Amino acid sequence: MDKDRQTLSATELSKFSYCPYQWYYERLYGRKELRRLEVERNERLGLADSRKERMEAGNAYHKNAGRNIRRRRITAVTAIVIMTAVLLYLLAKGGVL
């Protein structure tokens, strides 16, 4: 965000509606300065940066969710192929209709 702008973007309005304090400090100091202050505070207090851990957990979740979606899709396609094959076999045999 440009601190000197007089207009607000839709993203800024969204941030303001979520947390006015976050929007204010980001507008006042800028995102880079706030991140630098956060890192400095964490080092001073001996806190670990949880951003990396959260990112890794999110990546693992999405990888697992993607795997599950592909597995369900393959199962559905396999079931459709089997039902179609059975139906065609019964139609060819003349026993269904």
PDB file of N, CA and C in Angstrom:
ATOM      1  N   MET A   1       0.839  -1.181   0.000  1.00  0.00           N
ATOM      2  CA  MET A   1       0.000   0.000   0.000  1.00  0.00           C
ATOM      3  C   MET A   1       0.882   1.241   0.000  1.00  0.00           C
ATOM      4  N   ASP A   2       0.492   2.193  -0.754  1.00  0.00           N
ATOM      5  CA  ASP A   2       1.208   3.466  -0.796  1.00  0.00           C
ATOM      6  C   ASP A   2       0.638   4.361   0.306  1.00  0.00           C
ATOM      7  N   LYS A   3       1.495   4.764   1.245  1.00  0.00           N
ATOM      8  CA  LYS A   3       1.030   5.543   2.399  1.00  0.00           C
ATOM      9  C   LYS A   3       0.524   6.931   2.020  1.00  0.00           C
ATOM     10  N   ASP A   4       1.006   7.448   0.896  1.00  0.00           N
ATOM     11  CA  ASP A   4       0.680   8.826   0.525  1.00  0.00           C
ATOM     12  C   ASP A   4      -0.594   8.947  -0.317  1.00  0.00           C
ATOM     13  N   ARG A   5      -1.171   7.833  -0.734  1.00  0.00           N
ATOM     14  CA  ARG A   5      -2.381   7.903  -1.554  1.00  0.00           C
ATOM     15  C   ARG A   5      -3.564   8.390  -0.736  1.00  0.00           C
ATOM     16  N   GLN A   6      -4.457   9.114  -1.383  1.00  0.00           N
ATOM     17  CA  GLN A   6      -5.662   9.607  -0.724  1.00  0.00           C
ATOM     18  C   GLN A   6      -6.856   8.680  -0.959  1.00  0.00           C
ATOM     19  N   THR A   7      -6.737   7.768  -1.913  1.00  0.00           N
ATOM     20  CA  THR A   7      -7.845   6.856  -2.222  1.00  0.00           C
ATOM     21  C   THR A   7      -7.580   5.489  -1.613  1.00  0.00           C
ATOM     22  N   LEU A   8      -8.632   4.718  -1.438  1.00  0.00           N
ATOM     23  CA  LEU A   8      -8.534   3.371  -0.886  1.00  0.00           C
ATOM     24  C   LEU A   8      -8.916   2.360  -1.956  1.00  0.00           C
ATOM     25  N   SER A   9      -8.206   1.252  -1.980  1.00  0.00           N
ATOM     26  CA  SER A   9      -8.542   0.186  -2.916  1.00  0.00           C
ATOM     27  C   SER A   9      -9.569  -0.742  -2.258  1.00  0.00           C
ATOM     28  N   ALA A  10     -10.141  -1.610  -3.066  1.00  0.00           N
ATOM     29  CA  ALA A  10     -11.097  -2.583  -2.536  1.00  0.00           C
ATOM     30  C   ALA A  10     -10.419  -3.512  -1.528  1.00  0.00           C
ATOM     31  N   THR A  11      -9.163  -3.850  -1.780  1.00  0.00           N
ATOM     32  CA  THR A  11      -8.412  -4.697  -0.855  1.00  0.00           C
ATOM     33  C   THR A  11      -8.241  -4.006   0.494  1.00  0.00           C
ATOM     34  N   GLU A  12      -7.942  -2.705   0.451  1.00  0.00           N
ATOM     35  CA  GLU A  12      -7.787  -1.963   1.702  1.00  0.00           C
ATOM     36  C   GLU A  12      -9.101  -1.899   2.470  1.00  0.00           C
ATOM     37  N   LEU A  13     -10.204  -1.707   1.765  1.00  0.00           N
ATOM     38  CA  LEU A  13     -11.510  -1.697   2.434  1.00  0.00           C
ATOM     39  C   LEU A  13     -11.800  -3.036   3.083  1.00  0.00           C
ATOM     40  N   SER A  14     -11.434  -4.100   2.386  1.00  0.00           N
ATOM     41  CA  SER A  14     -11.628  -5.441   2.942  1.00  0.00           C
ATOM     42  C   SER A  14     -10.779  -5.628   4.192  1.00  0.00           C
ATOM     43  N   LYS A  15      -9.515  -5.196   4.128  1.00  0.00           N
ATOM     44  CA  LYS A  15      -8.635  -5.303   5.297  1.00  0.00           C
ATOM     45  C   LYS A  15      -9.169  -4.473   6.461  1.00  0.00           C
ATOM     46  N   PHE A  16      -9.669  -3.282   6.147  1.00  0.00           N
ATOM     47  CA  PHE A  16     -10.211  -2.419   7.192  1.00  0.00           C
ATOM     48  C   PHE A  16     -11.422  -3.067   7.856  1.00  0.00           C
ATOM     49  N   SER A  17     -12.295  -3.677   7.053  1.00  0.00           N
ATOM     50  CA  SER A  17     -13.484  -4.307   7.639  1.00  0.00           C
ATOM     51  C   SER A  17     -13.100  -5.518   8.482  1.00  0.00           C
ATOM     52  N   TYR A  18     -11.987  -6.184   8.122  1.00  0.00           N
ATOM     53  CA  TYR A  18     -11.527  -7.341   8.894  1.00  0.00           C
ATOM     54  C   TYR A  18     -10.900  -6.881  10.209  1.00  0.00           C
ATOM     55  N   CYS A  19      -9.988  -5.907  10.127  1.00  0.00           N
ATOM     56  CA  CYS A  19      -9.311  -5.419  11.332  1.00  0.00           C
ATOM     57  C   CYS A  19      -8.814  -4.000  11.087  1.00  0.00           C
ATOM     58  N   PRO A  20      -9.523  -3.003  11.613  1.00  0.00           N
ATOM     59  CA  PRO A  20      -9.111  -1.608  11.393  1.00  0.00           C
ATOM     60  C   PRO A  20      -7.702  -1.311  11.892  1.00  0.00           C
ATOM     61  N   TYR A  21      -7.276  -1.946  12.984  1.00  0.00           N
ATOM     62  CA  TYR A  21      -5.939  -1.696  13.511  1.00  0.00           C
ATOM     63  C   TYR A  21      -4.865  -2.202  12.540  1.00  0.00           C
ATOM     64  N   GLN A  22      -5.080  -3.386  12.016  1.00  0.00           N
ATOM     65  CA  GLN A  22      -4.131  -3.936  11.050  1.00  0.00           C
ATOM     66  C   GLN A  22      -4.025  -3.010   9.840  1.00  0.00           C
ATOM     67  N   TRP A  23      -5.157  -2.582   9.332  1.00  0.00           N
ATOM     68  CA  TRP A  23      -5.163  -1.688   8.180  1.00  0.00           C
ATOM     69  C   TRP A  23      -4.409  -0.394   8.513  1.00  0.00           C
ATOM     70  N   TYR A  24      -4.684   0.185   9.683  1.00  0.00           N
ATOM     71  CA  TYR A  24      -4.065   1.453  10.081  1.00  0.00           C
ATOM     72  C   TYR A  24      -2.542   1.326  10.165  1.00  0.00           C
ATOM     73  N   TYR A  25      -2.065   0.299  10.877  1.00  0.00           N
ATOM     74  CA  TYR A  25      -0.624   0.171  11.051  1.00  0.00           C
ATOM     75  C   TYR A  25       0.077  -0.180   9.748  1.00  0.00           C
ATOM     76  N   GLU A  26      -0.577  -0.963   8.910  1.00  0.00           N
ATOM     77  CA  GLU A  26       0.018  -1.268   7.618  1.00  0.00           C
ATOM     78  C   GLU A  26       0.097  -0.013   6.760  1.00  0.00           C
ATOM     79  N   ARG A  27      -0.921   0.801   6.827  1.00  0.00           N
ATOM     80  CA  ARG A  27      -0.934   2.063   6.065  1.00  0.00           C
ATOM     81  C   ARG A  27       0.090   3.046   6.637  1.00  0.00           C
ATOM     82  N   LEU A  28       0.239   3.074   7.970  1.00  0.00           N
ATOM     83  CA  LEU A  28       1.149   4.005   8.620  1.00  0.00           C
ATOM     84  C   LEU A  28       2.619   3.630   8.411  1.00  0.00           C
ATOM     85  N   TYR A  29       2.941   2.355   8.657  1.00  0.00           N
ATOM     86  CA  TYR A  29       4.337   1.925   8.621  1.00  0.00           C
ATOM     87  C   TYR A  29       4.729   1.218   7.326  1.00  0.00           C
ATOM     88  N   GLY A  30       3.804   0.564   6.676  1.00  0.00           N
ATOM     89  CA  GLY A  30       4.124  -0.245   5.504  1.00  0.00           C
ATOM     90  C   GLY A  30       4.350  -1.686   5.917  1.00  0.00           C
ATOM     91  N   ARG A  31       4.053  -2.594   5.011  1.00  0.00           N
ATOM     92  CA  ARG A  31       4.127  -4.030   5.310  1.00  0.00           C
ATOM     93  C   ARG A  31       5.553  -4.483   5.632  1.00  0.00           C
ATOM     94  N   LYS A  32       6.549  -3.982   4.882  1.00  0.00           N
ATOM     95  CA  LYS A  32       7.939  -4.410   5.109  1.00  0.00           C
ATOM     96  C   LYS A  32       8.418  -4.022   6.500  1.00  0.00           C
ATOM     97  N   GLU A  33       8.099  -2.808   6.912  1.00  0.00           N
ATOM     98  CA  GLU A  33       8.528  -2.341   8.235  1.00  0.00           C
ATOM     99  C   GLU A  33       7.848  -3.139   9.336  1.00  0.00           C
ATOM    100  N   LEU A  34       6.571  -3.445   9.170  1.00  0.00           N
ATOM    101  CA  LEU A  34       5.874  -4.249  10.180  1.00  0.00           C
ATOM    102  C   LEU A  34       6.465  -5.652  10.275  1.00  0.00           C
ATOM    103  N   ARG A  35       6.811  -6.221   9.137  1.00  0.00           N
ATOM    104  CA  ARG A  35       7.432  -7.555   9.139  1.00  0.00           C
ATOM    105  C   ARG A  35       8.792  -7.494   9.835  1.00  0.00           C
ATOM    106  N   ARG A  36       9.563  -6.447   9.564  1.00  0.00           N
ATOM    107  CA  ARG A  36      10.870  -6.296  10.206  1.00  0.00           C
ATOM    108  C   ARG A  36      10.708  -6.178  11.717  1.00  0.00           C
ATOM    109  N   LEU A  37       9.733  -5.381  12.153  1.00  0.00           N
ATOM    110  CA  LEU A  37       9.475  -5.229  13.588  1.00  0.00           C
ATOM    111  C   LEU A  37       9.024  -6.539  14.220  1.00  0.00           C
ATOM    112  N   GLU A  38       8.237  -7.311  13.476  1.00  0.00           N
ATOM    113  CA  GLU A  38       7.780  -8.608  13.990  1.00  0.00           C
ATOM    114  C   GLU A  38       8.951  -9.560  14.182  1.00  0.00           C
ATOM    115  N   VAL A  39       9.837  -9.624  13.197  1.00  0.00           N
ATOM    116  CA  VAL A  39      11.013 -10.490  13.296  1.00  0.00           C
ATOM    117  C   VAL A  39      11.885 -10.048  14.466  1.00  0.00           C
ATOM    118  N   GLU A  40      12.079  -8.743  14.601  1.00  0.00           N
ATOM    119  CA  GLU A  40      12.880  -8.197  15.707  1.00  0.00           C
ATOM    120  C   GLU A  40      12.269  -8.577  17.059  1.00  0.00           C
ATOM    121  N   ARG A  41      10.955  -8.413  17.197  1.00  0.00           N
ATOM    122  CA  ARG A  41      10.270  -8.760  18.446  1.00  0.00           C
ATOM    123  C   ARG A  41      10.407 -10.255  18.747  1.00  0.00           C
ATOM    124  N   ASN A  42      10.229 -11.097  17.728  1.00  0.00           N
ATOM    125  CA  ASN A  42      10.331 -12.544  17.934  1.00  0.00           C
ATOM    126  C   ASN A  42      11.729 -12.948  18.372  1.00  0.00           C
ATOM    127  N   GLU A  43      12.743 -12.325  17.775  1.00  0.00           N
ATOM    128  CA  GLU A  43      14.123 -12.620  18.188  1.00  0.00           C
ATOM    129  C   GLU A  43      14.358 -12.187  19.624  1.00  0.00           C
ATOM    130  N   ARG A  44      13.851 -11.008  19.993  1.00  0.00           N
ATOM    131  CA  ARG A  44      14.034 -10.481  21.351  1.00  0.00           C
ATOM    132  C   ARG A  44      13.350 -11.378  22.382  1.00  0.00           C
ATOM    133  N   LEU A  45      12.160 -11.902  22.023  1.00  0.00           N
ATOM    134  CA  LEU A  45      11.411 -12.736  22.965  1.00  0.00           C
ATOM    135  C   LEU A  45      11.719 -14.228  22.831  1.00  0.00           C
ATOM    136  N   GLY A  46      12.547 -14.573  21.837  1.00  0.00           N
ATOM    137  CA  GLY A  46      12.902 -15.976  21.642  1.00  0.00           C
ATOM    138  C   GLY A  46      11.764 -16.797  21.055  1.00  0.00           C
ATOM    139  N   LEU A  47      10.903 -16.168  20.251  1.00  0.00           N
ATOM    140  CA  LEU A  47       9.780 -16.864  19.633  1.00  0.00           C
ATOM    141  C   LEU A  47      10.156 -17.344  18.237  1.00  0.00           C
ATOM    142  N   ALA A  48       9.622 -18.493  17.868  1.00  0.00           N
ATOM    143  CA  ALA A  48       9.869 -19.022  16.525  1.00  0.00           C
ATOM    144  C   ALA A  48       8.903 -18.367  15.539  1.00  0.00           C
ATOM    145  N   ASP A  49       9.335 -18.275  14.293  1.00  0.00           N
ATOM    146  CA  ASP A  49       8.484 -17.725  13.235  1.00  0.00           C
ATOM    147  C   ASP A  49       7.552 -18.837  12.761  1.00  0.00           C
ATOM    148  N   SER A  50       6.274 -18.697  13.051  1.00  0.00           N
ATOM    149  CA  SER A  50       5.322 -19.755  12.729  1.00  0.00           C
ATOM    150  C   SER A  50       4.830 -19.680  11.292  1.00  0.00           C
ATOM    151  N   ARG A  51       5.214 -18.647  10.552  1.00  0.00           N
ATOM    152  CA  ARG A  51       4.749 -18.519   9.164  1.00  0.00           C
ATOM    153  C   ARG A  51       5.197 -19.702   8.323  1.00  0.00           C
ATOM    154  N   LYS A  52       6.457 -20.099   8.472  1.00  0.00           N
ATOM    155  CA  LYS A  52       7.000 -21.211   7.683  1.00  0.00           C
ATOM    156  C   LYS A  52       6.276 -22.506   8.047  1.00  0.00           C
ATOM    157  N   GLU A  53       6.066 -22.721   9.339  1.00  0.00           N
ATOM    158  CA  GLU A  53       5.378 -23.933   9.779  1.00  0.00           C
ATOM    159  C   GLU A  53       3.948 -23.974   9.254  1.00  0.00           C
ATOM    160  N   ARG A  54       3.262 -22.826   9.300  1.00  0.00           N
ATOM    161  CA  ARG A  54       1.887 -22.773   8.793  1.00  0.00           C
ATOM    162  C   ARG A  54       1.852 -22.991   7.283  1.00  0.00           C
ATOM    163  N   MET A  55       2.839 -22.454   6.580  1.00  0.00           N
ATOM    164  CA  MET A  55       2.903 -22.637   5.130  1.00  0.00           C
ATOM    165  C   MET A  55       3.121 -24.112   4.789  1.00  0.00           C
ATOM    166  N   GLU A  56       4.019 -24.762   5.507  1.00  0.00           N
ATOM    167  CA  GLU A  56       4.278 -26.184   5.267  1.00  0.00           C
ATOM    168  C   GLU A  56       3.040 -27.024   5.593  1.00  0.00           C
ATOM    169  N   ALA A  57       2.350 -26.683   6.679  1.00  0.00           N
ATOM    170  CA  ALA A  57       1.134 -27.417   7.033  1.00  0.00           C
ATOM    171  C   ALA A  57       0.050 -27.209   5.973  1.00  0.00           C
ATOM    172  N   GLY A  58      -0.067 -25.985   5.469  1.00  0.00           N
ATOM    173  CA  GLY A  58      -1.045 -25.703   4.419  1.00  0.00           C
ATOM    174  C   GLY A  58      -0.727 -26.442   3.135  1.00  0.00           C
ATOM    175  N   ASN A  59       0.558 -26.482   2.777  1.00  0.00           N
ATOM    176  CA  ASN A  59       0.960 -27.222   1.582  1.00  0.00           C
ATOM    177  C   ASN A  59       0.658 -28.707   1.718  1.00  0.00           C
ATOM    178  N   ALA A  60       0.937 -29.267   2.891  1.00  0.00           N
ATOM    179  CA  ALA A  60       0.655 -30.687   3.125  1.00  0.00           C
ATOM    180  C   ALA A  60      -0.849 -30.955   3.046  1.00  0.00           C
ATOM    181  N   TYR A  61      -1.642 -30.063   3.620  1.00  0.00           N
ATOM    182  CA  TYR A  61      -3.101 -30.225   3.566  1.00  0.00           C
ATOM    183  C   TYR A  61      -3.597 -30.235   2.122  1.00  0.00           C
ATOM    184  N   HIS A  62      -3.155 -29.267   1.340  1.00  0.00           N
ATOM    185  CA  HIS A  62      -3.623 -29.160  -0.039  1.00  0.00           C
ATOM    186  C   HIS A  62      -3.125 -30.321  -0.900  1.00  0.00           C
ATOM    187  N   LYS A  63      -1.923 -30.786  -0.629  1.00  0.00           N
ATOM    188  CA  LYS A  63      -1.410 -31.952  -1.356  1.00  0.00           C
ATOM    189  C   LYS A  63      -2.273 -33.169  -1.056  1.00  0.00           C
ATOM    190  N   ASN A  64      -2.619 -33.361   0.207  1.00  0.00           N
ATOM    191  CA  ASN A  64      -3.461 -34.478   0.617  1.00  0.00           C
ATOM    192  C   ASN A  64      -4.877 -34.339   0.046  1.00  0.00           C
ATOM    193  N   ALA A  65      -5.427 -33.130   0.082  1.00  0.00           N
ATOM    194  CA  ALA A  65      -6.769 -32.896  -0.459  1.00  0.00           C
ATOM    195  C   ALA A  65      -6.786 -33.164  -1.957  1.00  0.00           C
ATOM    196  N   GLY A  66      -5.756 -32.746  -2.673  1.00  0.00           N
ATOM    197  CA  GLY A  66      -5.669 -33.011  -4.110  1.00  0.00           C
ATOM    198  C   GLY A  66      -5.600 -34.493  -4.398  1.00  0.00           C
ATOM    199  N   ARG A  67      -4.850 -35.212  -3.587  1.00  0.00           N
ATOM    200  CA  ARG A  67      -4.763 -36.668  -3.738  1.00  0.00           C
ATOM    201  C   ARG A  67      -6.134 -37.310  -3.544  1.00  0.00           C
ATOM    202  N   ASN A  68      -6.861 -36.857  -2.523  1.00  0.00           N
ATOM    203  CA  ASN A  68      -8.192 -37.413  -2.264  1.00  0.00           C
ATOM    204  C   ASN A  68      -9.161 -37.121  -3.406  1.00  0.00           C
ATOM    205  N   ILE A  69      -9.082 -35.921  -3.965  1.00  0.00           N
ATOM    206  CA  ILE A  69      -9.959 -35.560  -5.088  1.00  0.00           C
ATOM    207  C   ILE A  69      -9.655 -36.446  -6.291  1.00  0.00           C
ATOM    208  N   ARG A  70      -8.374 -36.627  -6.599  1.00  0.00           N
ATOM    209  CA  ARG A  70      -8.004 -37.488  -7.728  1.00  0.00           C
ATOM    210  C   ARG A  70      -8.462 -38.921  -7.491  1.00  0.00           C
ATOM    211  N   ARG A  71      -8.324 -39.400  -6.261  1.00  0.00           N
ATOM    212  CA  ARG A  71      -8.746 -40.766  -5.928  1.00  0.00           C
ATOM    213  C   ARG A  71     -10.254 -40.927  -6.119  1.00  0.00           C
ATOM    214  N   ARG A  72     -11.033 -39.957  -5.664  1.00  0.00           N
ATOM    215  CA  ARG A  72     -12.485 -40.012  -5.844  1.00  0.00           C
ATOM    216  C   ARG A  72     -12.870 -39.962  -7.319  1.00  0.00           C
ATOM    217  N   ARG A  73     -12.186 -39.121  -8.066  1.00  0.00           N
ATOM    218  CA  ARG A  73     -12.478 -38.995  -9.498  1.00  0.00           C
ATOM    219  C   ARG A  73     -12.197 -40.312 -10.217  1.00  0.00           C
ATOM    220  N   ILE A  74     -11.061 -40.944  -9.920  1.00  0.00           N
ATOM    221  CA  ILE A  74     -10.719 -42.224 -10.535  1.00  0.00           C
ATOM    222  C   ILE A  74     -11.744 -43.284 -10.165  1.00  0.00           C
ATOM    223  N   THR A  75     -12.175 -43.299  -8.897  1.00  0.00           N
ATOM    224  CA  THR A  75     -13.183 -44.263  -8.452  1.00  0.00           C
ATOM    225  C   THR A  75     -14.497 -44.060  -9.197  1.00  0.00           C
ATOM    226  N   ALA A  76     -14.921 -42.816  -9.355  1.00  0.00           N
ATOM    227  CA  ALA A  76     -16.176 -42.521 -10.053  1.00  0.00           C
ATOM    228  C   ALA A  76     -16.092 -42.937 -11.521  1.00  0.00           C
ATOM    229  N   VAL A  77     -14.987 -42.611 -12.185  1.00  0.00           N
ATOM    230  CA  VAL A  77     -14.828 -42.978 -13.594  1.00  0.00           C
ATOM    231  C   VAL A  77     -14.796 -44.491 -13.743  1.00  0.00           C
ATOM    232  N   THR A  78     -14.097 -45.186 -12.849  1.00  0.00           N
ATOM    233  CA  THR A  78     -14.046 -46.649 -12.891  1.00  0.00           C
ATOM    234  C   THR A  78     -15.434 -47.248 -12.724  1.00  0.00           C
ATOM    235  N   ALA A  79     -16.208 -46.715 -11.776  1.00  0.00           N
ATOM    236  CA  ALA A  79     -17.569 -47.217 -11.561  1.00  0.00           C
ATOM    237  C   ALA A  79     -18.436 -47.003 -12.798  1.00  0.00           C
ATOM    238  N   ILE A  80     -18.316 -45.854 -13.433  1.00  0.00           N
ATOM    239  CA  ILE A  80     -19.102 -45.569 -14.644  1.00  0.00           C
ATOM    240  C   ILE A  80     -18.706 -46.518 -15.772  1.00  0.00           C
ATOM    241  N   VAL A  81     -17.414 -46.761 -15.927  1.00  0.00           N
ATOM    242  CA  VAL A  81     -16.945 -47.667 -16.981  1.00  0.00           C
ATOM    243  C   VAL A  81     -17.468 -49.082 -16.723  1.00  0.00           C
ATOM    244  N   ILE A  82     -17.407 -49.541 -15.486  1.00  0.00           N
ATOM    245  CA  ILE A  82     -17.889 -50.889 -15.163  1.00  0.00           C
ATOM    246  C   ILE A  82     -19.389 -50.999 -15.397  1.00  0.00           C
ATOM    247  N   MET A  83     -20.159 -49.991 -14.944  1.00  0.00           N
ATOM    248  CA  MET A  83     -21.616 -50.035 -15.155  1.00  0.00           C
ATOM    249  C   MET A  83     -21.953 -49.993 -16.636  1.00  0.00           C
ATOM    250  N   THR A  84     -21.232 -49.209 -17.402  1.00  0.00           N
ATOM    251  CA  THR A  84     -21.469 -49.135 -18.842  1.00  0.00           C
ATOM    252  C   THR A  84     -21.153 -50.470 -19.507  1.00  0.00           C
ATOM    253  N   ALA A  85     -20.051 -51.097 -19.102  1.00  0.00           N
ATOM    254  CA  ALA A  85     -19.674 -52.394 -19.662  1.00  0.00           C
ATOM    255  C   ALA A  85     -20.732 -53.450 -19.343  1.00  0.00           C
ATOM    256  N   VAL A  86     -21.214 -53.456 -18.106  1.00  0.00           N
ATOM    257  CA  VAL A  86     -22.252 -54.428 -17.710  1.00  0.00           C
ATOM    258  C   VAL A  86     -23.530 -54.175 -18.503  1.00  0.00           C
ATOM    259  N   LEU A  87     -23.924 -52.932 -18.629  1.00  0.00           N
ATOM    260  CA  LEU A  87     -25.134 -52.594 -19.376  1.00  0.00           C
ATOM    261  C   LEU A  87     -25.008 -53.000 -20.843  1.00  0.00           C
ATOM    262  N   LEU A  88     -23.868 -52.726 -21.462  1.00  0.00           N
ATOM    263  CA  LEU A  88     -23.651 -53.121 -22.854  1.00  0.00           C
ATOM    264  C   LEU A  88     -23.661 -54.640 -23.009  1.00  0.00           C
ATOM    265  N   TYR A  89     -23.071 -55.332 -22.042  1.00  0.00           N
ATOM    266  CA  TYR A  89     -23.088 -56.801 -22.084  1.00  0.00           C
ATOM    267  C   TYR A  89     -24.506 -57.332 -22.008  1.00  0.00           C
ATOM    268  N   LEU A  90     -25.296 -56.780 -21.077  1.00  0.00           N
ATOM    269  CA  LEU A  90     -26.685 -57.246 -20.940  1.00  0.00           C
ATOM    270  C   LEU A  90     -27.526 -56.893 -22.153  1.00  0.00           C
ATOM    271  N   LEU A  91     -27.284 -55.723 -22.721  1.00  0.00           N
ATOM    272  CA  LEU A  91     -28.010 -55.348 -23.954  1.00  0.00           C
ATOM    273  C   LEU A  91     -27.643 -56.260 -25.107  1.00  0.00           C
ATOM    274  N   ALA A  92     -26.366 -56.601 -25.222  1.00  0.00           N
ATOM    275  CA  ALA A  92     -25.908 -57.487 -26.297  1.00  0.00           C
ATOM    276  C   ALA A  92     -26.466 -58.898 -26.116  1.00  0.00           C
ATOM    277  N   LYS A  93     -26.584 -59.311 -24.891  1.00  0.00           N
ATOM    278  CA  LYS A  93     -27.120 -60.639 -24.577  1.00  0.00           C
ATOM    279  C   LYS A  93     -28.623 -60.641 -24.777  1.00  0.00           C
ATOM    280  N   GLY A  94     -29.265 -59.491 -24.708  1.00  0.00           N
ATOM    281  CA  GLY A  94     -30.694 -59.386 -24.927  1.00  0.00           C
ATOM    282  C   GLY A  94     -31.526 -59.637 -23.678  1.00  0.00           C
ATOM    283  N   GLY A  95     -30.934 -59.500 -22.510  1.00  0.00           N
ATOM    284  CA  GLY A  95     -31.659 -59.806 -21.303  1.00  0.00           C
ATOM    285  C   GLY A  95     -32.185 -58.619 -20.522  1.00  0.00           C
ATOM    286  N   VAL A  96     -31.868 -57.400 -20.922  1.00  0.00           N
ATOM    287  CA  VAL A  96     -32.275 -56.235 -20.130  1.00  0.00           C
ATOM    288  C   VAL A  96     -33.628 -55.707 -20.567  1.00  0.00           C
ATOM    289  N   LEU A  97     -33.788 -55.367 -21.823  1.00  0.00           N
ATOM    290  CA  LEU A  97     -35.020 -54.736 -22.289  1.00  0.00           C
ATOM    291  C   LEU A  97     -35.822 -55.693 -23.033  1.00  0.00           C
TER     292      LEU A  97
END
